[in-house]
């Protein structure tokens, strides 16, 4: 679900909540960023990563992809 201002996206995935948080860096490039939450606890937060994109939409999508991988790894550790 996109926020009303389309700045970030919230996704429920395998019992976790992922919030994409792309940030604009230098030269109008966008960095991945996301937060992973379970219940009321922040599990992980990655901001201003080394992954860069030319648009906010691309950074948002990439952020969600990386966060899903991290959640998959967390779920696998719990099994």
C-alpha atoms as a PDB file:
ATOM      1  CA  UNK A   1       0.000   0.000   0.000  1.00  0.00           C
ATOM      2  CA  UNK A   2       1.434   3.375  -1.008  1.00  0.00           C
ATOM      3  CA  UNK A   3       1.351   6.249   1.442  1.00  0.00           C
ATOM      4  CA  UNK A   4      -0.884   9.137   0.379  1.00  0.00           C
ATOM      5  CA  UNK A   5       2.124  11.180  -0.763  1.00  0.00           C
ATOM      6  CA  UNK A   6       3.691   8.133  -2.511  1.00  0.00           C
ATOM      7  CA  UNK A   7       6.919   8.614  -0.545  1.00  0.00           C
ATOM      8  CA  UNK A   8       7.030   5.076   0.816  1.00  0.00           C
ATOM      9  CA  UNK A   9       5.178   1.799   0.655  1.00  0.00           C
ATOM     10  CA  UNK A  10       3.980  -0.461   3.481  1.00  0.00           C
ATOM     11  CA  UNK A  11       3.880  -4.193   2.818  1.00  0.00           C
ATOM     12  CA  UNK A  12       2.796  -7.047   5.094  1.00  0.00           C
ATOM     13  CA  UNK A  13       4.976 -10.060   4.322  1.00  0.00           C
ATOM     14  CA  UNK A  14       5.169 -13.374   6.210  1.00  0.00           C
ATOM     15  CA  UNK A  15       4.102 -11.826   9.511  1.00  0.00           C
ATOM     16  CA  UNK A  16       6.395  -8.810   9.222  1.00  0.00           C
ATOM     17  CA  UNK A  17       5.655  -5.254   8.175  1.00  0.00           C
ATOM     18  CA  UNK A  18       8.048  -3.737   5.662  1.00  0.00           C
ATOM     19  CA  UNK A  19       8.197   0.017   5.166  1.00  0.00           C
ATOM     20  CA  UNK A  20      10.194   1.169   2.164  1.00  0.00           C
ATOM     21  CA  UNK A  21      12.122   4.374   2.860  1.00  0.00           C
ATOM     22  CA  UNK A  22      14.131   5.403  -0.189  1.00  0.00           C
ATOM     23  CA  UNK A  23      16.246   8.511   0.317  1.00  0.00           C
ATOM     24  CA  UNK A  24      17.598  10.970  -2.183  1.00  0.00           C
ATOM     25  CA  UNK A  25      21.357  11.271  -2.295  1.00  0.00           C
ATOM     26  CA  UNK A  26      23.703  13.299  -4.438  1.00  0.00           C
ATOM     27  CA  UNK A  27      23.150  14.054  -8.108  1.00  0.00           C
ATOM     28  CA  UNK A  28      19.415  13.328  -7.858  1.00  0.00           C
ATOM     29  CA  UNK A  29      20.062   9.618  -7.299  1.00  0.00           C
ATOM     30  CA  UNK A  30      17.982   7.529  -4.909  1.00  0.00           C
ATOM     31  CA  UNK A  31      19.243   5.025  -2.321  1.00  0.00           C
ATOM     32  CA  UNK A  32      17.409   1.972  -1.032  1.00  0.00           C
ATOM     33  CA  UNK A  33      16.073   2.099   2.476  1.00  0.00           C
ATOM     34  CA  UNK A  34      13.615   0.052   4.493  1.00  0.00           C
ATOM     35  CA  UNK A  35      12.428  -0.830   7.955  1.00  0.00           C
ATOM     36  CA  UNK A  36      11.254  -4.264   9.072  1.00  0.00           C
ATOM     37  CA  UNK A  37       8.811  -4.445  11.975  1.00  0.00           C
ATOM     38  CA  UNK A  38       7.199  -7.396  13.750  1.00  0.00           C
ATOM     39  CA  UNK A  39       4.410  -6.472  16.116  1.00  0.00           C
ATOM     40  CA  UNK A  40       5.629  -3.343  17.882  1.00  0.00           C
ATOM     41  CA  UNK A  41       9.324  -4.173  17.541  1.00  0.00           C
ATOM     42  CA  UNK A  42      11.675  -2.859  14.898  1.00  0.00           C
ATOM     43  CA  UNK A  43      13.674  -5.834  13.640  1.00  0.00           C
ATOM     44  CA  UNK A  44      15.918  -4.079  11.119  1.00  0.00           C
ATOM     45  CA  UNK A  45      16.449  -0.705   9.529  1.00  0.00           C
ATOM     46  CA  UNK A  46      18.598  -0.106   6.466  1.00  0.00           C
ATOM     47  CA  UNK A  47      18.940   3.453   5.221  1.00  0.00           C
ATOM     48  CA  UNK A  48      21.120   5.098   2.560  1.00  0.00           C
ATOM     49  CA  UNK A  49      22.378   1.804   1.200  1.00  0.00           C
ATOM     50  CA  UNK A  50      24.955   1.575  -1.557  1.00  0.00           C
ATOM     51  CA  UNK A  51      22.266   0.598  -4.080  1.00  0.00           C
ATOM     52  CA  UNK A  52      21.398   3.646  -6.170  1.00  0.00           C
ATOM     53  CA  UNK A  53      18.646   4.335  -8.675  1.00  0.00           C
ATOM     54  CA  UNK A  54      17.619   7.144 -10.980  1.00  0.00           C
ATOM     55  CA  UNK A  55      14.020   7.283  -9.714  1.00  0.00           C
ATOM     56  CA  UNK A  56      12.253   7.091  -6.372  1.00  0.00           C
ATOM     57  CA  UNK A  57       9.944   4.370  -7.727  1.00  0.00           C
ATOM     58  CA  UNK A  58      12.889   2.145  -8.675  1.00  0.00           C
ATOM     59  CA  UNK A  59      14.479   2.675  -5.244  1.00  0.00           C
ATOM     60  CA  UNK A  60      11.173   1.899  -3.522  1.00  0.00           C
ATOM     61  CA  UNK A  61      10.742  -1.341  -5.479  1.00  0.00           C
ATOM     62  CA  UNK A  62      14.349  -2.367  -4.883  1.00  0.00           C
ATOM     63  CA  UNK A  63      14.010  -1.590  -1.176  1.00  0.00           C
ATOM     64  CA  UNK A  64      11.017  -3.903  -0.934  1.00  0.00           C
ATOM     65  CA  UNK A  65      12.884  -6.661  -2.791  1.00  0.00           C
ATOM     66  CA  UNK A  66      15.863  -6.466  -0.417  1.00  0.00           C
ATOM     67  CA  UNK A  67      13.575  -6.362   2.620  1.00  0.00           C
ATOM     68  CA  UNK A  68      11.683  -9.449   1.432  1.00  0.00           C
ATOM     69  CA  UNK A  69      14.986 -11.320   1.148  1.00  0.00           C
ATOM     70  CA  UNK A  70      15.909 -10.277   4.682  1.00  0.00           C
ATOM     71  CA  UNK A  71      12.507 -11.420   5.984  1.00  0.00           C
ATOM     72  CA  UNK A  72      12.898 -14.742   4.139  1.00  0.00           C
ATOM     73  CA  UNK A  73      16.232 -15.209   5.903  1.00  0.00           C
ATOM     74  CA  UNK A  74      14.704 -14.359   9.295  1.00  0.00           C
ATOM     75  CA  UNK A  75      11.888 -16.836   8.731  1.00  0.00           C
ATOM     76  CA  UNK A  76      14.370 -19.538   7.693  1.00  0.00           C
ATOM     77  CA  UNK A  77      16.368 -18.993  10.902  1.00  0.00           C
ATOM     78  CA  UNK A  78      13.212 -19.503  12.974  1.00  0.00           C
ATOM     79  CA  UNK A  79      12.456 -22.870  11.345  1.00  0.00           C
END
